[in-house]
N, C-alpha and C. Protein backbone atom coordinates (compact mmCIF):
# COMPACT_ATOMS: atom_id res chain seq x y z
N UNK A 1 12.94 11.26 -17.75
CA UNK A 1 11.92 12.16 -18.46
C UNK A 1 11.77 11.28 -19.56
N UNK A 2 12.87 10.06 -19.86
CA UNK A 2 12.16 9.52 -21.08
C UNK A 2 11.02 8.74 -20.66
N UNK A 3 10.64 7.85 -19.54
CA UNK A 3 9.48 7.66 -19.03
C UNK A 3 8.59 8.26 -19.06
N UNK A 4 8.32 9.34 -18.78
CA UNK A 4 7.39 10.27 -19.41
C UNK A 4 6.76 10.65 -20.57
N UNK A 5 7.95 10.73 -21.41
CA UNK A 5 7.43 11.10 -22.59
C UNK A 5 6.66 9.93 -23.28
N UNK A 6 7.25 8.76 -23.06
CA UNK A 6 6.98 7.52 -23.19
C UNK A 6 5.67 6.99 -23.19
N UNK A 7 5.10 7.36 -21.79
CA UNK A 7 3.87 7.20 -21.42
C UNK A 7 2.71 8.50 -21.80
N UNK A 8 3.38 9.54 -22.33
CA UNK A 8 2.55 10.70 -22.99
C UNK A 8 2.50 10.11 -24.57
N UNK A 9 3.53 9.24 -24.86
CA UNK A 9 3.09 9.18 -26.29
C UNK A 9 2.02 8.04 -26.27
N UNK A 10 1.57 6.98 -25.27
CA UNK A 10 0.59 5.99 -25.31
C UNK A 10 -0.60 6.57 -25.16
N UNK A 11 -0.74 7.88 -24.57
CA UNK A 11 -1.88 8.50 -24.12
C UNK A 11 -2.41 9.40 -24.55
N UNK A 12 -3.82 9.55 -24.97
CA UNK A 12 -4.07 10.78 -25.88
C UNK A 12 -4.27 12.09 -24.54
N UNK A 13 -5.32 13.13 -25.39
CA UNK A 13 -5.12 14.47 -24.61
C UNK A 13 -6.08 14.10 -23.19
N UNK A 14 -6.86 13.19 -23.38
CA UNK A 14 -7.69 12.99 -21.81
C UNK A 14 -6.68 12.13 -21.34
N UNK A 15 -5.81 11.65 -21.34
CA UNK A 15 -5.01 10.88 -20.56
C UNK A 15 -5.63 9.09 -20.49
N UNK A 16 -6.25 9.04 -21.85
CA UNK A 16 -6.46 7.43 -21.83
C UNK A 16 -5.29 6.73 -23.09
N UNK A 17 -5.26 5.61 -22.73
CA UNK A 17 -4.52 4.96 -23.52
C UNK A 17 -4.92 4.93 -24.87
N UNK A 18 -4.11 5.04 -26.18
CA UNK A 18 -4.61 5.24 -27.65
C UNK A 18 -4.81 3.73 -28.10
N UNK A 19 -5.50 3.72 -28.96
CA UNK A 19 -6.04 2.38 -29.35
C UNK A 19 -4.62 1.81 -29.93
N UNK A 20 -4.44 0.43 -29.27
CA UNK A 20 -3.47 -0.26 -29.69
C UNK A 20 -2.11 -0.11 -28.59
N UNK A 21 -2.01 1.13 -27.60
CA UNK A 21 -1.27 1.33 -26.46
C UNK A 21 -1.83 0.62 -25.49
N UNK A 22 -1.08 0.14 -24.54
CA UNK A 22 -1.38 -0.19 -23.23
C UNK A 22 -0.36 0.01 -22.15
N UNK A 23 -0.63 0.27 -20.80
CA UNK A 23 0.04 0.58 -19.73
C UNK A 23 0.70 -0.86 -19.47
N UNK A 24 0.40 -1.99 -20.08
CA UNK A 24 1.17 -2.95 -19.14
C UNK A 24 1.53 -3.90 -20.52
N UNK A 25 2.41 -3.81 -21.18
CA UNK A 25 2.55 -4.14 -22.45
C UNK A 25 3.32 -5.70 -22.56
N UNK A 26 4.02 -6.05 -21.17
CA UNK A 26 4.38 -7.54 -21.30
C UNK A 26 3.09 -8.30 -20.73
N UNK A 27 2.20 -7.47 -19.97
CA UNK A 27 1.37 -8.67 -19.60
C UNK A 27 1.61 -9.47 -18.23
N UNK A 28 0.64 -9.82 -17.90
CA UNK A 28 0.81 -11.48 -17.09
C UNK A 28 1.49 -12.29 -17.89
N UNK A 29 2.91 -13.17 -17.31
CA UNK A 29 3.27 -13.98 -17.78
C UNK A 29 2.21 -15.28 -18.38
N UNK A 30 2.57 -15.56 -19.35
CA UNK A 30 2.06 -17.12 -19.46
C UNK A 30 2.16 -18.19 -18.30
N UNK A 31 1.35 -18.84 -18.35
CA UNK A 31 1.50 -20.33 -17.51
C UNK A 31 1.42 -19.54 -15.89
N UNK A 32 1.47 -18.55 -15.42
CA UNK A 32 1.59 -17.83 -14.46
C UNK A 32 0.41 -18.31 -12.89
N UNK A 33 0.18 -18.39 -12.37
CA UNK A 33 -0.47 -18.63 -11.79
C UNK A 33 -1.06 -18.19 -10.19
N UNK A 34 -2.76 -17.73 -9.98
CA UNK A 34 -2.42 -16.78 -8.68
C UNK A 34 -2.58 -17.40 -7.70
N UNK A 35 -2.72 -17.07 -6.79
CA UNK A 35 -2.58 -17.20 -5.24
C UNK A 35 -3.56 -17.98 -5.00
N UNK A 36 -5.00 -17.51 -5.77
CA UNK A 36 -6.25 -18.39 -4.69
C UNK A 36 -6.20 -19.62 -5.55
N UNK A 37 -5.82 -19.78 -6.85
CA UNK A 37 -5.78 -21.07 -7.35
C UNK A 37 -4.65 -21.92 -6.85
N UNK A 38 -3.43 -21.66 -6.33
CA UNK A 38 -2.67 -22.14 -5.39
C UNK A 38 -3.40 -22.68 -4.37
N UNK A 39 -4.06 -21.75 -4.02
CA UNK A 39 -4.93 -22.34 -2.61
C UNK A 39 -6.32 -23.25 -2.86
N UNK A 40 -6.75 -23.13 -3.80
CA UNK A 40 -7.84 -23.93 -4.22
C UNK A 40 -7.32 -25.18 -4.39
N UNK A 41 -6.31 -25.52 -5.01
CA UNK A 41 -5.82 -26.81 -5.50
C UNK A 41 -5.08 -27.28 -4.32
N UNK A 42 -3.97 -26.67 -3.40
CA UNK A 42 -3.70 -26.93 -2.09
C UNK A 42 -5.19 -27.77 -0.93
N UNK A 43 -6.11 -26.88 -1.08
CA UNK A 43 -7.44 -27.33 -0.32
C UNK A 43 -8.20 -28.82 -0.93
N UNK A 44 -7.97 -28.65 -1.92
CA UNK A 44 -8.53 -30.32 -2.57
C UNK A 44 -8.28 -31.45 -2.75
N UNK A 45 -6.45 -31.05 -2.10
CA UNK A 45 -5.59 -32.42 -2.08
C UNK A 45 -6.33 -33.30 -1.27
N UNK A 46 -6.27 -34.22 -1.20
CA UNK A 46 -6.46 -35.34 -0.09
C UNK A 46 -5.11 -35.85 0.81
N UNK A 47 -5.74 -35.79 2.01
CA UNK A 47 -4.66 -36.13 3.27
C UNK A 47 -4.69 -37.39 3.10
N UNK A 48 -3.36 -38.39 2.91
CA UNK A 48 -3.78 -40.05 2.59
C UNK A 48 -3.79 -40.49 4.00
N UNK A 49 -3.86 -39.78 5.28
CA UNK A 49 -3.90 -40.69 6.32
C UNK A 49 -5.44 -40.76 6.95
N UNK A 50 -5.63 -39.63 6.39
CA UNK A 50 -7.66 -39.44 6.85
C UNK A 50 -8.45 -39.72 5.67
N UNK A 51 -7.80 -39.66 4.52
CA UNK A 51 -8.89 -39.93 3.16
C UNK A 51 -9.64 -38.61 2.92
N UNK A 52 -9.49 -37.80 3.80
CA UNK A 52 -10.28 -36.41 3.70
C UNK A 52 -9.34 -34.83 2.94
N UNK A 53 -10.24 -34.34 2.26
CA UNK A 53 -9.54 -32.97 1.90
C UNK A 53 -9.10 -32.24 2.95
N UNK A 54 -8.08 -31.29 2.73
CA UNK A 54 -7.93 -30.27 3.58
C UNK A 54 -8.66 -29.37 3.63
N UNK A 55 -9.60 -29.25 2.90
CA UNK A 55 -10.79 -28.34 3.03
C UNK A 55 -11.91 -28.99 3.85
N UNK A 56 -12.13 -29.94 3.98
CA UNK A 56 -13.21 -30.76 4.54
C UNK A 56 -12.40 -30.88 5.96
N UNK A 57 -10.88 -31.17 6.04
CA UNK A 57 -10.52 -30.79 7.82
C UNK A 57 -10.74 -29.52 7.89
N UNK A 58 -10.60 -28.57 7.04
CA UNK A 58 -10.70 -26.84 7.83
C UNK A 58 -12.28 -26.91 8.16
N UNK A 59 -13.04 -27.49 7.43
CA UNK A 59 -14.52 -27.44 7.90
C UNK A 59 -14.76 -28.07 9.06
N UNK A 60 -14.47 -29.04 9.66
CA UNK A 60 -14.67 -30.13 10.35
C UNK A 60 -14.27 -29.25 11.74
N UNK A 61 -13.04 -29.10 11.74
CA UNK A 61 -12.64 -28.12 12.60
C UNK A 61 -13.31 -26.83 12.68
N UNK A 62 -13.86 -26.18 11.90
CA UNK A 62 -14.40 -24.87 12.34
C UNK A 62 -15.79 -25.39 12.61
N UNK A 63 -16.51 -26.10 12.46
CA UNK A 63 -17.86 -26.47 13.20
C UNK A 63 -17.70 -27.17 14.71
N UNK A 64 -16.57 -27.89 14.57
CA UNK A 64 -16.23 -28.35 16.13
C UNK A 64 -15.88 -27.38 16.98
N UNK A 65 -14.89 -26.49 16.66
CA UNK A 65 -14.82 -25.15 17.44
C UNK A 65 -16.09 -24.45 17.95
N UNK A 66 -16.91 -23.97 16.66
CA UNK A 66 -18.67 -23.91 16.86
C UNK A 66 -19.14 -24.37 18.10
N UNK A 67 -19.30 -25.58 17.86
CA UNK A 67 -20.60 -26.74 18.26
C UNK A 67 -19.41 -26.50 20.06
N UNK A 68 -18.27 -26.43 20.20
CA UNK A 68 -17.83 -26.44 21.55
C UNK A 68 -17.90 -24.65 22.11
N UNK A 69 -18.27 -23.67 21.51
CA UNK A 69 -18.61 -22.61 22.05
C UNK A 69 -17.95 -21.62 21.83
N UNK A 70 -16.92 -21.52 21.11
CA UNK A 70 -16.25 -20.53 20.62
C UNK A 70 -17.12 -19.83 19.39
N UNK A 71 -17.59 -18.57 19.55
CA UNK A 71 -18.41 -17.55 19.38
C UNK A 71 -17.89 -17.19 18.10
N UNK A 72 -16.53 -16.64 17.68
CA UNK A 72 -16.21 -16.18 16.61
C UNK A 72 -16.07 -17.57 15.46
N UNK A 73 -16.18 -18.76 15.86
CA UNK A 73 -16.58 -19.81 15.01
C UNK A 73 -17.59 -19.85 14.42
N UNK A 74 -18.65 -19.72 15.47
CA UNK A 74 -20.25 -19.79 15.45
C UNK A 74 -20.44 -18.67 14.38
N UNK A 75 -20.12 -17.64 14.36
CA UNK A 75 -19.94 -16.64 13.24
C UNK A 75 -19.92 -16.78 11.84
N UNK A 76 -18.69 -17.33 12.31
CA UNK A 76 -18.10 -17.71 10.40
C UNK A 76 -18.91 -19.17 9.88
N UNK A 77 -19.14 -19.84 10.46
CA UNK A 77 -20.13 -20.98 10.09
C UNK A 77 -21.41 -20.01 9.78
N UNK A 78 -22.46 -19.87 10.41
CA UNK A 78 -23.29 -18.87 10.30
C UNK A 78 -23.28 -17.48 8.89
N UNK A 79 -22.03 -16.88 8.94
CA UNK A 79 -22.30 -16.28 7.72
C UNK A 79 -22.13 -16.82 6.64
N UNK A 80 -21.53 -17.73 6.66
CA UNK A 80 -21.22 -18.80 5.33
C UNK A 80 -22.23 -19.57 4.95
N UNK A 81 -23.54 -19.81 6.19
CA UNK A 81 -24.65 -20.63 5.03
C UNK A 81 -25.35 -19.19 5.14
N UNK A 82 -25.72 -18.63 5.93
CA UNK A 82 -26.86 -17.08 5.57
C UNK A 82 -26.25 -16.07 4.91
N UNK A 83 -25.11 -15.60 5.13
CA UNK A 83 -24.38 -14.65 4.72
C UNK A 83 -24.23 -13.13 5.82
N UNK A 84 -23.69 -12.70 5.96
CA UNK A 84 -23.52 -11.25 6.87
C UNK A 84 -24.95 -10.92 7.32
N UNK A 85 -25.30 -10.99 8.77
CA UNK A 85 -26.45 -10.18 9.25
C UNK A 85 -26.36 -8.70 8.69
N UNK A 86 -27.66 -8.36 8.67
CA UNK A 86 -28.05 -6.88 7.65
C UNK A 86 -28.25 -5.81 8.89
N UNK A 87 -27.80 -4.94 8.94
CA UNK A 87 -28.14 -3.80 9.86
C UNK A 87 -29.53 -3.50 9.70
N UNK A 88 -30.59 -3.51 10.90
CA UNK A 88 -31.47 -2.88 10.81
C UNK A 88 -31.58 -1.24 10.60
N UNK A 89 -32.20 -1.12 9.43
CA UNK A 89 -32.62 0.60 9.02
C UNK A 89 -33.82 1.49 9.37
N UNK A 90 -33.45 1.81 9.85
CA UNK A 90 -34.76 2.84 10.52
C UNK A 90 -35.23 2.76 11.85
N UNK A 91 -36.84 3.12 11.94
CA UNK A 91 -37.38 2.68 13.18
C UNK A 91 -38.34 1.08 13.04
N UNK A 92 -37.59 0.27 13.78
CA UNK A 92 -38.38 -0.72 13.66
C UNK A 92 -39.80 -1.09 14.49
N UNK A 93 -39.76 -0.04 15.23
CA UNK A 93 -41.19 0.22 16.10
C UNK A 93 -41.91 0.85 15.42
N UNK A 94 -43.20 0.51 14.52
CA UNK A 94 -43.55 1.44 13.64
C UNK A 94 -44.66 2.47 14.00
N UNK A 95 -44.91 1.77 15.53
CA UNK A 95 -46.01 2.30 15.97
C UNK A 95 -45.74 3.23 16.74
N UNK A 96 -44.53 3.07 17.48
CA UNK A 96 -43.99 3.98 18.62
C UNK A 96 -43.55 5.82 17.90
N UNK A 97 -43.84 6.41 18.19
CA UNK A 97 -43.74 7.97 18.45
C UNK A 97 -42.55 8.23 18.20
N UNK A 98 -42.00 8.96 17.38
CA UNK A 98 -40.56 9.09 17.89
C UNK A 98 -40.30 10.38 18.97
N UNK A 99 -39.45 10.17 19.61
CA UNK A 99 -39.01 10.99 20.57
C UNK A 99 -37.31 11.71 20.84
N UNK A 100 -37.33 12.71 20.70
CA UNK A 100 -36.04 13.63 21.14
C UNK A 100 -35.83 14.30 22.70
N UNK A 101 -34.62 13.36 23.21
CA UNK A 101 -34.45 13.92 24.42
C UNK A 101 -33.29 14.90 24.69
N UNK A 102 -33.59 15.93 25.13
CA UNK A 102 -32.31 17.00 25.10
C UNK A 102 -31.71 16.86 26.57
N UNK A 103 -30.39 16.45 26.91
CA UNK A 103 -29.75 16.05 28.10
C UNK A 103 -30.09 17.10 28.95
N UNK A 104 -30.51 17.01 29.87
CA UNK A 104 -30.90 17.97 31.30
C UNK A 104 -32.36 18.75 31.18
N UNK A 105 -33.20 18.29 29.92
CA UNK A 105 -34.58 18.73 29.95
C UNK A 105 -35.52 18.09 30.27
N UNK A 106 -35.24 16.59 30.43
CA UNK A 106 -36.38 15.94 31.79
C UNK A 106 -36.37 16.23 33.14
N UNK A 107 -35.33 16.43 33.47
CA UNK A 107 -35.56 17.18 35.01
C UNK A 107 -35.67 18.54 35.02
N UNK A 108 -35.65 19.44 34.27
CA UNK A 108 -36.39 20.63 34.49
C UNK A 108 -37.84 20.56 34.37
N UNK A 109 -38.58 19.63 33.35
CA UNK A 109 -39.72 19.68 32.91
C UNK A 109 -39.98 19.04 34.53
N UNK A 110 -39.81 17.81 34.81
CA UNK A 110 -40.00 17.25 36.18
C UNK A 110 -40.35 18.40 36.95
N UNK A 111 -39.13 19.00 37.43
CA UNK A 111 -39.41 19.64 38.53
C UNK A 111 -40.72 20.72 37.86
N UNK A 112 -40.63 21.00 36.88
CA UNK A 112 -41.53 22.55 36.66
C UNK A 112 -43.03 21.53 37.47
N UNK A 113 -43.32 20.60 36.58
CA UNK A 113 -44.40 19.68 37.23
C UNK A 113 -44.39 19.18 38.63
N UNK A 114 -43.83 19.50 39.14
CA UNK A 114 -43.84 18.79 40.49
C UNK A 114 -43.72 17.36 41.00
N UNK A 115 -42.89 16.44 40.02
CA UNK A 115 -42.60 15.26 39.43
C UNK A 115 -41.48 14.59 40.55
N UNK A 116 -40.75 15.32 40.43
CA UNK A 116 -39.37 15.05 41.06
C UNK A 116 -38.92 16.60 42.14
N UNK A 117 -38.29 16.19 42.99
CA UNK A 117 -37.26 16.99 43.49
C UNK A 117 -36.82 18.01 42.88
N UNK A 118 -36.66 19.08 43.82
CA UNK A 118 -36.11 20.35 43.25
C UNK A 118 -34.73 19.76 42.86
N UNK A 119 -34.02 19.00 43.77
CA UNK A 119 -32.51 18.92 43.48
C UNK A 119 -31.83 17.74 42.91
N UNK A 120 -31.78 18.07 41.68
CA UNK A 120 -31.47 16.85 40.74
C UNK A 120 -30.06 15.70 41.24
N UNK A 121 -30.15 14.57 41.13
CA UNK A 121 -29.50 13.60 41.46
C UNK A 121 -27.97 14.06 40.74
N UNK A 122 -26.95 13.65 41.12
CA UNK A 122 -25.67 13.90 41.35
C UNK A 122 -25.37 12.88 39.94
């Protein structure tokens, strides 16, 4: 109950923090580094044998895989260059008339017109 009371003192009647109060009073410790920053620094380090950064080696490897026929690697390369492919929205064939087909209705109409045998295919 003590924790709930302390939280209620920090918040107003709408549940928002009061001025000068915070839900994370200690905050992030000074000098702490995010995982993204650590990865970025690691990828920018040069390999002493090849004199290439690890990022460059990853890129070279990915491109080689794509050129070798790895479809997923090719997708990654193309997405990095042009961005992800966008799905087409709407009717792309603007001249065509929209058509709604109800399953089973085509067979009945064709039979009525005499275009098909009276026995539908199994």
